């Protein structure tokens, strides 16, 4: 074979190897995302079964309340040490 043909075959082989490696990574990510999606769908399905029996939570209030409690306990700790 000619030198240029050997070089082209080598480039083609290297390119195929790189493409195969990239495909494996993407396939792995896809499988992981599919598992996460299946889990999320199952959680939504389960949550819909209990929707009428569950009280809605105001998460913003809960977060603010916890932040207030934490800052309040820090103030209490400071005042008892000084």
PDB file of N, CA and C in Angstrom:
ATOM      1  N   UNK A   1       0.831  -1.181   0.000  1.00  0.00           N
ATOM      2  CA  UNK A   1       0.000   0.000   0.000  1.00  0.00           C
ATOM      3  C   UNK A   1       0.877   1.246   0.000  1.00  0.00           C
ATOM      4  N   UNK A   2       0.254   2.294  -0.450  1.00  0.00           N
ATOM      5  CA  UNK A   2       0.968   3.558  -0.441  1.00  0.00           C
ATOM      6  C   UNK A   2       1.007   4.130   0.971  1.00  0.00           C
ATOM      7  N   UNK A   3       1.964   5.003   1.183  1.00  0.00           N
ATOM      8  CA  UNK A   3       2.132   5.638   2.492  1.00  0.00           C
ATOM      9  C   UNK A   3       0.894   6.453   2.874  1.00  0.00           C
ATOM     10  N   UNK A   4       0.308   7.163   1.907  1.00  0.00           N
ATOM     11  CA  UNK A   4      -0.865   7.993   2.198  1.00  0.00           C
ATOM     12  C   UNK A   4      -2.070   7.127   2.568  1.00  0.00           C
ATOM     13  N   UNK A   5      -2.198   5.969   1.951  1.00  0.00           N
ATOM     14  CA  UNK A   5      -3.295   5.059   2.268  1.00  0.00           C
ATOM     15  C   UNK A   5      -3.146   4.522   3.689  1.00  0.00           C
ATOM     16  N   UNK A   6      -1.929   4.157   4.059  1.00  0.00           N
ATOM     17  CA  UNK A   6      -1.664   3.664   5.406  1.00  0.00           C
ATOM     18  C   UNK A   6      -1.971   4.761   6.426  1.00  0.00           C
ATOM     19  N   UNK A   7      -1.583   5.986   6.104  1.00  0.00           N
ATOM     20  CA  UNK A   7      -1.840   7.116   6.993  1.00  0.00           C
ATOM     21  C   UNK A   7      -3.349   7.352   7.146  1.00  0.00           C
ATOM     22  N   UNK A   8      -4.092   7.287   6.047  1.00  0.00           N
ATOM     23  CA  UNK A   8      -5.541   7.481   6.103  1.00  0.00           C
ATOM     24  C   UNK A   8      -6.220   6.379   6.913  1.00  0.00           C
ATOM     25  N   UNK A   9      -5.767   5.148   6.738  1.00  0.00           N
ATOM     26  CA  UNK A   9      -6.325   4.032   7.505  1.00  0.00           C
ATOM     27  C   UNK A   9      -6.031   4.223   8.993  1.00  0.00           C
ATOM     28  N   UNK A  10      -4.834   4.676   9.305  1.00  0.00           N
ATOM     29  CA  UNK A  10      -4.460   4.930  10.694  1.00  0.00           C
ATOM     30  C   UNK A  10      -5.331   6.034  11.294  1.00  0.00           C
ATOM     31  N   UNK A  11      -5.543   7.109  10.538  1.00  0.00           N
ATOM     32  CA  UNK A  11      -6.407   8.195  11.009  1.00  0.00           C
ATOM     33  C   UNK A  11      -7.845   7.716  11.203  1.00  0.00           C
ATOM     34  N   UNK A  12      -8.323   6.915  10.267  1.00  0.00           N
ATOM     35  CA  UNK A  12      -9.675   6.383  10.356  1.00  0.00           C
ATOM     36  C   UNK A  12      -9.829   5.504  11.594  1.00  0.00           C
ATOM     37  N   UNK A  13      -8.835   4.679  11.841  1.00  0.00           N
ATOM     38  CA  UNK A  13      -8.866   3.802  13.013  1.00  0.00           C
ATOM     39  C   UNK A  13      -8.831   4.617  14.312  1.00  0.00           C
ATOM     40  N   UNK A  14      -7.981   5.619  14.364  1.00  0.00           N
ATOM     41  CA  UNK A  14      -7.903   6.480  15.553  1.00  0.00           C
ATOM     42  C   UNK A  14      -9.213   7.231  15.772  1.00  0.00           C
ATOM     43  N   UNK A  15      -9.777   7.736  14.696  1.00  0.00           N
ATOM     44  CA  UNK A  15     -11.054   8.445  14.782  1.00  0.00           C
ATOM     45  C   UNK A  15     -12.171   7.529  15.258  1.00  0.00           C
ATOM     46  N   UNK A  16     -12.172   6.304  14.764  1.00  0.00           N
ATOM     47  CA  UNK A  16     -13.187   5.347  15.189  1.00  0.00           C
ATOM     48  C   UNK A  16     -13.044   5.019  16.673  1.00  0.00           C
ATOM     49  N   UNK A  17     -11.810   4.849  17.128  1.00  0.00           N
ATOM     50  CA  UNK A  17     -11.574   4.571  18.549  1.00  0.00           C
ATOM     51  C   UNK A  17     -12.071   5.727  19.425  1.00  0.00           C
ATOM     52  N   UNK A  18     -11.795   6.957  18.998  1.00  0.00           N
ATOM     53  CA  UNK A  18     -12.246   8.129  19.755  1.00  0.00           C
ATOM     54  C   UNK A  18     -13.772   8.209  19.760  1.00  0.00           C
ATOM     55  N   UNK A  19     -14.374   7.935  18.618  1.00  0.00           N
ATOM     56  CA  UNK A  19     -15.831   7.953  18.513  1.00  0.00           C
ATOM     57  C   UNK A  19     -16.454   6.875  19.398  1.00  0.00           C
ATOM     58  N   UNK A  20     -15.839   5.707  19.411  1.00  0.00           N
ATOM     59  CA  UNK A  20     -16.332   4.607  20.236  1.00  0.00           C
ATOM     60  C   UNK A  20     -16.242   4.956  21.729  1.00  0.00           C
ATOM     61  N   UNK A  21     -15.160   5.584  22.133  1.00  0.00           N
ATOM     62  CA  UNK A  21     -14.995   5.992  23.535  1.00  0.00           C
ATOM     63  C   UNK A  21     -16.047   7.041  23.911  1.00  0.00           C
ATOM     64  N   UNK A  22     -16.267   8.008  23.027  1.00  0.00           N
ATOM     65  CA  UNK A  22     -17.275   9.040  23.288  1.00  0.00           C
ATOM     66  C   UNK A  22     -18.669   8.423  23.363  1.00  0.00           C
ATOM     67  N   UNK A  23     -18.942   7.451  22.501  1.00  0.00           N
ATOM     68  CA  UNK A  23     -20.239   6.775  22.514  1.00  0.00           C
ATOM     69  C   UNK A  23     -20.449   6.040  23.837  1.00  0.00           C
ATOM     70  N   UNK A  24     -19.420   5.367  24.318  1.00  0.00           N
ATOM     71  CA  UNK A  24     -19.538   4.643  25.594  1.00  0.00           C
ATOM     72  C   UNK A  24     -19.868   5.602  26.739  1.00  0.00           C
ATOM     73  N   UNK A  25     -19.207   6.755  26.754  1.00  0.00           N
ATOM     74  CA  UNK A  25     -19.471   7.753  27.797  1.00  0.00           C
ATOM     75  C   UNK A  25     -20.912   8.251  27.704  1.00  0.00           C
ATOM     76  N   UNK A  26     -21.346   8.599  26.494  1.00  0.00           N
ATOM     77  CA  UNK A  26     -22.712   9.088  26.311  1.00  0.00           C
ATOM     78  C   UNK A  26     -23.741   8.016  26.658  1.00  0.00           C
ATOM     79  N   UNK A  27     -23.458   6.776  26.286  1.00  0.00           N
ATOM     80  CA  UNK A  27     -24.370   5.675  26.591  1.00  0.00           C
ATOM     81  C   UNK A  27     -24.495   5.495  28.101  1.00  0.00           C
ATOM     82  N   UNK A  28     -23.370   5.591  28.785  1.00  0.00           N
ATOM     83  CA  UNK A  28     -23.364   5.471  30.244  1.00  0.00           C
ATOM     84  C   UNK A  28     -24.176   6.597  30.881  1.00  0.00           C
ATOM     85  N   UNK A  29     -23.978   7.824  30.417  1.00  0.00           N
ATOM     86  CA  UNK A  29     -24.742   8.965  30.938  1.00  0.00           C
ATOM     87  C   UNK A  29     -26.232   8.788  30.655  1.00  0.00           C
ATOM     88  N   UNK A  30     -26.554   8.307  29.460  1.00  0.00           N
ATOM     89  CA  UNK A  30     -27.949   8.096  29.086  1.00  0.00           C
ATOM     90  C   UNK A  30     -28.607   7.086  30.006  1.00  0.00           C
ATOM     91  N   UNK A  31     -27.918   5.995  30.281  1.00  0.00           N
ATOM     92  CA  UNK A  31     -28.471   4.970  31.176  1.00  0.00           C
ATOM     93  C   UNK A  31     -28.698   5.542  32.578  1.00  0.00           C
ATOM     94  N   UNK A  32     -27.754   6.336  33.055  1.00  0.00           N
ATOM     95  CA  UNK A  32     -27.909   6.963  34.366  1.00  0.00           C
ATOM     96  C   UNK A  32     -29.107   7.898  34.407  1.00  0.00           C
ATOM     97  N   UNK A  33     -29.263   8.699  33.360  1.00  0.00           N
ATOM     98  CA  UNK A  33     -30.399   9.622  33.297  1.00  0.00           C
ATOM     99  C   UNK A  33     -31.722   8.870  33.181  1.00  0.00           C
ATOM    100  N   UNK A  34     -31.719   7.754  32.444  1.00  0.00           N
ATOM    101  CA  UNK A  34     -32.932   6.947  32.338  1.00  0.00           C
ATOM    102  C   UNK A  34     -33.333   6.382  33.701  1.00  0.00           C
ATOM    103  N   UNK A  35     -32.350   5.957  34.491  1.00  0.00           N
ATOM    104  CA  UNK A  35     -32.645   5.449  35.836  1.00  0.00           C
ATOM    105  C   UNK A  35     -33.210   6.562  36.724  1.00  0.00           C
ATOM    106  N   UNK A  36     -32.616   7.758  36.641  1.00  0.00           N
ATOM    107  CA  UNK A  36     -33.119   8.889  37.428  1.00  0.00           C
ATOM    108  C   UNK A  36     -34.543   9.251  37.015  1.00  0.00           C
ATOM    109  N   UNK A  37     -34.806   9.235  35.709  1.00  0.00           N
ATOM    110  CA  UNK A  37     -36.138   9.552  35.212  1.00  0.00           C
ATOM    111  C   UNK A  37     -37.149   8.512  35.681  1.00  0.00           C
ATOM    112  N   UNK A  38     -36.777   7.239  35.633  1.00  0.00           N
ATOM    113  CA  UNK A  38     -37.677   6.183  36.101  1.00  0.00           C
ATOM    114  C   UNK A  38     -37.972   6.349  37.588  1.00  0.00           C
ATOM    115  N   UNK A  39     -36.961   6.691  38.363  1.00  0.00           N
ATOM    116  CA  UNK A  39     -37.152   6.914  39.800  1.00  0.00           C
ATOM    117  C   UNK A  39     -38.077   8.103  40.038  1.00  0.00           C
ATOM    118  N   UNK A  40     -37.856   9.187  39.301  1.00  0.00           N
ATOM    119  CA  UNK A  40     -38.698  10.378  39.452  1.00  0.00           C
ATOM    120  C   UNK A  40     -40.142  10.076  39.062  1.00  0.00           C
ATOM    121  N   UNK A  41     -40.329   9.322  37.987  1.00  0.00           N
ATOM    122  CA  UNK A  41     -41.689   8.953  37.576  1.00  0.00           C
ATOM    123  C   UNK A  41     -42.370   8.120  38.660  1.00  0.00           C
ATOM    124  N   UNK A  42     -41.636   7.197  39.232  1.00  0.00           N
ATOM    125  CA  UNK A  42     -42.190   6.363  40.302  1.00  0.00           C
ATOM    126  C   UNK A  42     -42.551   7.216  41.518  1.00  0.00           C
ATOM    127  N   UNK A  43     -41.707   8.189  41.842  1.00  0.00           N
ATOM    128  CA  UNK A  43     -41.998   9.079  42.971  1.00  0.00           C
ATOM    129  C   UNK A  43     -43.241   9.924  42.699  1.00  0.00           C
ATOM    130  N   UNK A  44     -43.376  10.418  41.474  1.00  0.00           N
ATOM    131  CA  UNK A  44     -44.557  11.211  41.118  1.00  0.00           C
ATOM    132  C   UNK A  44     -45.800  10.337  41.175  1.00  0.00           C
ATOM    133  N   UNK A  45     -45.698   9.113  40.668  1.00  0.00           N
ATOM    134  CA  UNK A  45     -46.834   8.194  40.701  1.00  0.00           C
ATOM    135  C   UNK A  45     -47.234   7.895  42.145  1.00  0.00           C
ATOM    136  N   UNK A  46     -46.262   7.615  42.974  1.00  0.00           N
ATOM    137  CA  UNK A  46     -46.540   7.330  44.383  1.00  0.00           C
ATOM    138  C   UNK A  46     -47.123   8.556  45.078  1.00  0.00           C
ATOM    139  N   UNK A  47     -46.564   9.724  44.803  1.00  0.00           N
ATOM    140  CA  UNK A  47     -47.065  10.959  45.418  1.00  0.00           C
ATOM    141  C   UNK A  47     -48.500  11.239  44.992  1.00  0.00           C
ATOM    142  N   UNK A  48     -48.840  10.916  43.752  1.00  0.00           N
ATOM    143  CA  UNK A  48     -50.204  11.171  43.287  1.00  0.00           C
ATOM    144  C   UNK A  48     -51.208  10.276  44.008  1.00  0.00           C
ATOM    145  N   UNK A  49     -50.770   9.117  44.480  1.00  0.00           N
ATOM    146  CA  UNK A  49     -51.663   8.240  45.236  1.00  0.00           C
ATOM    147  C   UNK A  49     -52.026   8.844  46.584  1.00  0.00           C
ATOM    148  N   UNK A  50     -51.100   9.610  47.160  1.00  0.00           N
ATOM    149  CA  UNK A  50     -51.302  10.193  48.481  1.00  0.00           C
ATOM    150  C   UNK A  50     -51.644  11.676  48.431  1.00  0.00           C
ATOM    151  N   UNK A  51     -51.850  12.202  47.244  1.00  0.00           N
ATOM    152  CA  UNK A  51     -52.062  13.639  47.071  1.00  0.00           C
ATOM    153  C   UNK A  51     -53.247  14.155  47.880  1.00  0.00           C
ATOM    154  N   UNK A  52     -54.350  13.452  47.860  1.00  0.00           N
ATOM    155  CA  UNK A  52     -55.537  13.958  48.552  1.00  0.00           C
ATOM    156  C   UNK A  52     -55.429  13.829  50.072  1.00  0.00           C
ATOM    157  N   UNK A  53     -54.496  13.023  50.545  1.00  0.00           N
ATOM    158  CA  UNK A  53     -54.343  12.822  51.984  1.00  0.00           C
ATOM    159  C   UNK A  53     -53.199  13.635  52.585  1.00  0.00           C
ATOM    160  N   UNK A  54     -52.455  14.334  51.744  1.00  0.00           N
ATOM    161  CA  UNK A  54     -51.267  15.038  52.200  1.00  0.00           C
ATOM    162  C   UNK A  54     -51.530  16.537  52.261  1.00  0.00           C
ATOM    163  N   UNK A  55     -51.129  17.142  53.341  1.00  0.00           N
ATOM    164  CA  UNK A  55     -51.257  18.589  53.493  1.00  0.00           C
ATOM    165  C   UNK A  55     -50.107  19.250  52.738  1.00  0.00           C
ATOM    166  N   UNK A  56     -50.421  20.286  51.976  1.00  0.00           N
ATOM    167  CA  UNK A  56     -49.387  21.003  51.238  1.00  0.00           C
ATOM    168  C   UNK A  56     -48.462  21.708  52.218  1.00  0.00           C
ATOM    169  N   UNK A  57     -47.183  21.675  51.929  1.00  0.00           N
ATOM    170  CA  UNK A  57     -46.194  22.316  52.789  1.00  0.00           C
ATOM    171  C   UNK A  57     -45.717  23.608  52.154  1.00  0.00           C
ATOM    172  N   UNK A  58     -45.561  24.621  52.969  1.00  0.00           N
ATOM    173  CA  UNK A  58     -44.964  25.867  52.510  1.00  0.00           C
ATOM    174  C   UNK A  58     -43.479  25.773  52.831  1.00  0.00           C
ATOM    175  N   UNK A  59     -42.694  25.334  51.857  1.00  0.00           N
ATOM    176  CA  UNK A  59     -41.280  25.093  52.099  1.00  0.00           C
ATOM    177  C   UNK A  59     -40.517  26.378  52.384  1.00  0.00           C
ATOM    178  N   UNK A  60     -40.937  27.484  51.807  1.00  0.00           N
ATOM    179  CA  UNK A  60     -40.258  28.748  52.062  1.00  0.00           C
ATOM    180  C   UNK A  60     -40.385  29.115  53.534  1.00  0.00           C
ATOM    181  N   UNK A  61     -41.564  28.950  54.090  1.00  0.00           N
ATOM    182  CA  UNK A  61     -41.764  29.234  55.514  1.00  0.00           C
ATOM    183  C   UNK A  61     -40.893  28.308  56.357  1.00  0.00           C
ATOM    184  N   UNK A  62     -40.839  27.060  55.967  1.00  0.00           N
ATOM    185  CA  UNK A  62     -40.045  26.082  56.710  1.00  0.00           C
ATOM    186  C   UNK A  62     -38.571  26.463  56.695  1.00  0.00           C
ATOM    187  N   UNK A  63     -38.069  26.882  55.563  1.00  0.00           N
ATOM    188  CA  UNK A  63     -36.660  27.272  55.441  1.00  0.00           C
ATOM    189  C   UNK A  63     -36.391  28.525  56.275  1.00  0.00           C
ATOM    190  N   UNK A  64     -37.281  29.516  56.180  1.00  0.00           N
ATOM    191  CA  UNK A  64     -37.098  30.748  56.952  1.00  0.00           C
ATOM    192  C   UNK A  64     -37.174  30.460  58.447  1.00  0.00           C
ATOM    193  N   UNK A  65     -38.081  29.584  58.850  1.00  0.00           N
ATOM    194  CA  UNK A  65     -38.237  29.231  60.257  1.00  0.00           C
ATOM    195  C   UNK A  65     -36.975  28.563  60.790  1.00  0.00           C
ATOM    196  N   UNK A  66     -36.406  27.658  60.013  1.00  0.00           N
ATOM    197  CA  UNK A  66     -35.175  26.986  60.443  1.00  0.00           C
ATOM    198  C   UNK A  66     -34.019  27.975  60.516  1.00  0.00           C
ATOM    199  N   UNK A  67     -33.946  28.890  59.552  1.00  0.00           N
ATOM    200  CA  UNK A  67     -32.876  29.886  59.565  1.00  0.00           C
ATOM    201  C   UNK A  67     -33.020  30.777  60.796  1.00  0.00           C
ATOM    202  N   UNK A  68     -34.247  31.142  61.148  1.00  0.00           N
ATOM    203  CA  UNK A  68     -34.485  31.967  62.333  1.00  0.00           C
ATOM    204  C   UNK A  68     -34.090  31.201  63.590  1.00  0.00           C
ATOM    205  N   UNK A  69     -34.459  29.933  63.647  1.00  0.00           N
ATOM    206  CA  UNK A  69     -34.129  29.109  64.812  1.00  0.00           C
ATOM    207  C   UNK A  69     -32.625  28.983  64.975  1.00  0.00           C
ATOM    208  N   UNK A  70     -31.924  28.794  63.873  1.00  0.00           N
ATOM    209  CA  UNK A  70     -30.462  28.673  63.928  1.00  0.00           C
ATOM    210  C   UNK A  70     -29.850  29.985  64.395  1.00  0.00           C
ATOM    211  N   UNK A  71     -30.279  31.111  63.818  1.00  0.00           N
ATOM    212  CA  UNK A  71     -29.698  32.399  64.216  1.00  0.00           C
ATOM    213  C   UNK A  71     -30.068  32.732  65.659  1.00  0.00           C
ATOM    214  N   UNK A  72     -31.256  32.337  66.088  1.00  0.00           N
ATOM    215  CA  UNK A  72     -31.684  32.575  67.459  1.00  0.00           C
ATOM    216  C   UNK A  72     -30.823  31.770  68.430  1.00  0.00           C
ATOM    217  N   UNK A  73     -30.525  30.521  68.083  1.00  0.00           N
ATOM    218  CA  UNK A  73     -29.710  29.691  68.973  1.00  0.00           C
ATOM    219  C   UNK A  73     -28.273  30.201  69.015  1.00  0.00           C
ATOM    220  N   UNK A  74     -27.786  30.771  67.931  1.00  0.00           N
ATOM    221  CA  UNK A  74     -26.439  31.358  67.945  1.00  0.00           C
ATOM    222  C   UNK A  74     -26.407  32.570  68.868  1.00  0.00           C
ATOM    223  N   UNK A  75     -27.468  33.376  68.826  1.00  0.00           N
ATOM    224  CA  UNK A  75     -27.555  34.547  69.691  1.00  0.00           C
ATOM    225  C   UNK A  75     -27.619  34.114  71.146  1.00  0.00           C
ATOM    226  N   UNK A  76     -28.403  33.081  71.431  1.00  0.00           N
ATOM    227  CA  UNK A  76     -28.506  32.567  72.801  1.00  0.00           C
ATOM    228  C   UNK A  76     -27.167  32.040  73.285  1.00  0.00           C
ATOM    229  N   UNK A  77     -26.463  31.337  72.429  1.00  0.00           N
ATOM    230  CA  UNK A  77     -25.161  30.787  72.806  1.00  0.00           C
ATOM    231  C   UNK A  77     -24.178  31.915  73.073  1.00  0.00           C
ATOM    232  N   UNK A  78     -24.247  32.979  72.282  1.00  0.00           N
ATOM    233  CA  UNK A  78     -23.347  34.116  72.458  1.00  0.00           C
ATOM    234  C   UNK A  78     -23.651  34.834  73.771  1.00  0.00           C
ATOM    235  N   UNK A  79     -24.939  35.012  74.056  1.00  0.00           N
ATOM    236  CA  UNK A  79     -25.304  35.758  75.264  1.00  0.00           C
ATOM    237  C   UNK A  79     -24.999  34.968  76.534  1.00  0.00           C
ATOM    238  N   UNK A  80     -25.021  33.644  76.483  1.00  0.00           N
ATOM    239  CA  UNK A  80     -24.719  32.859  77.678  1.00  0.00           C
ATOM    240  C   UNK A  80     -23.228  32.767  77.936  1.00  0.00           C
ATOM    241  N   UNK A  81     -22.417  32.922  76.912  1.00  0.00           N
ATOM    242  CA  UNK A  81     -20.969  32.853  77.098  1.00  0.00           C
ATOM    243  C   UNK A  81     -20.391  34.197  77.488  1.00  0.00           C
ATOM    244  N   UNK A  82     -21.109  35.290  77.218  1.00  0.00           N
ATOM    245  CA  UNK A  82     -20.591  36.629  77.547  1.00  0.00           C
ATOM    246  C   UNK A  82     -21.297  37.225  78.720  1.00  0.00           C
TER     247      UNK A  82
END
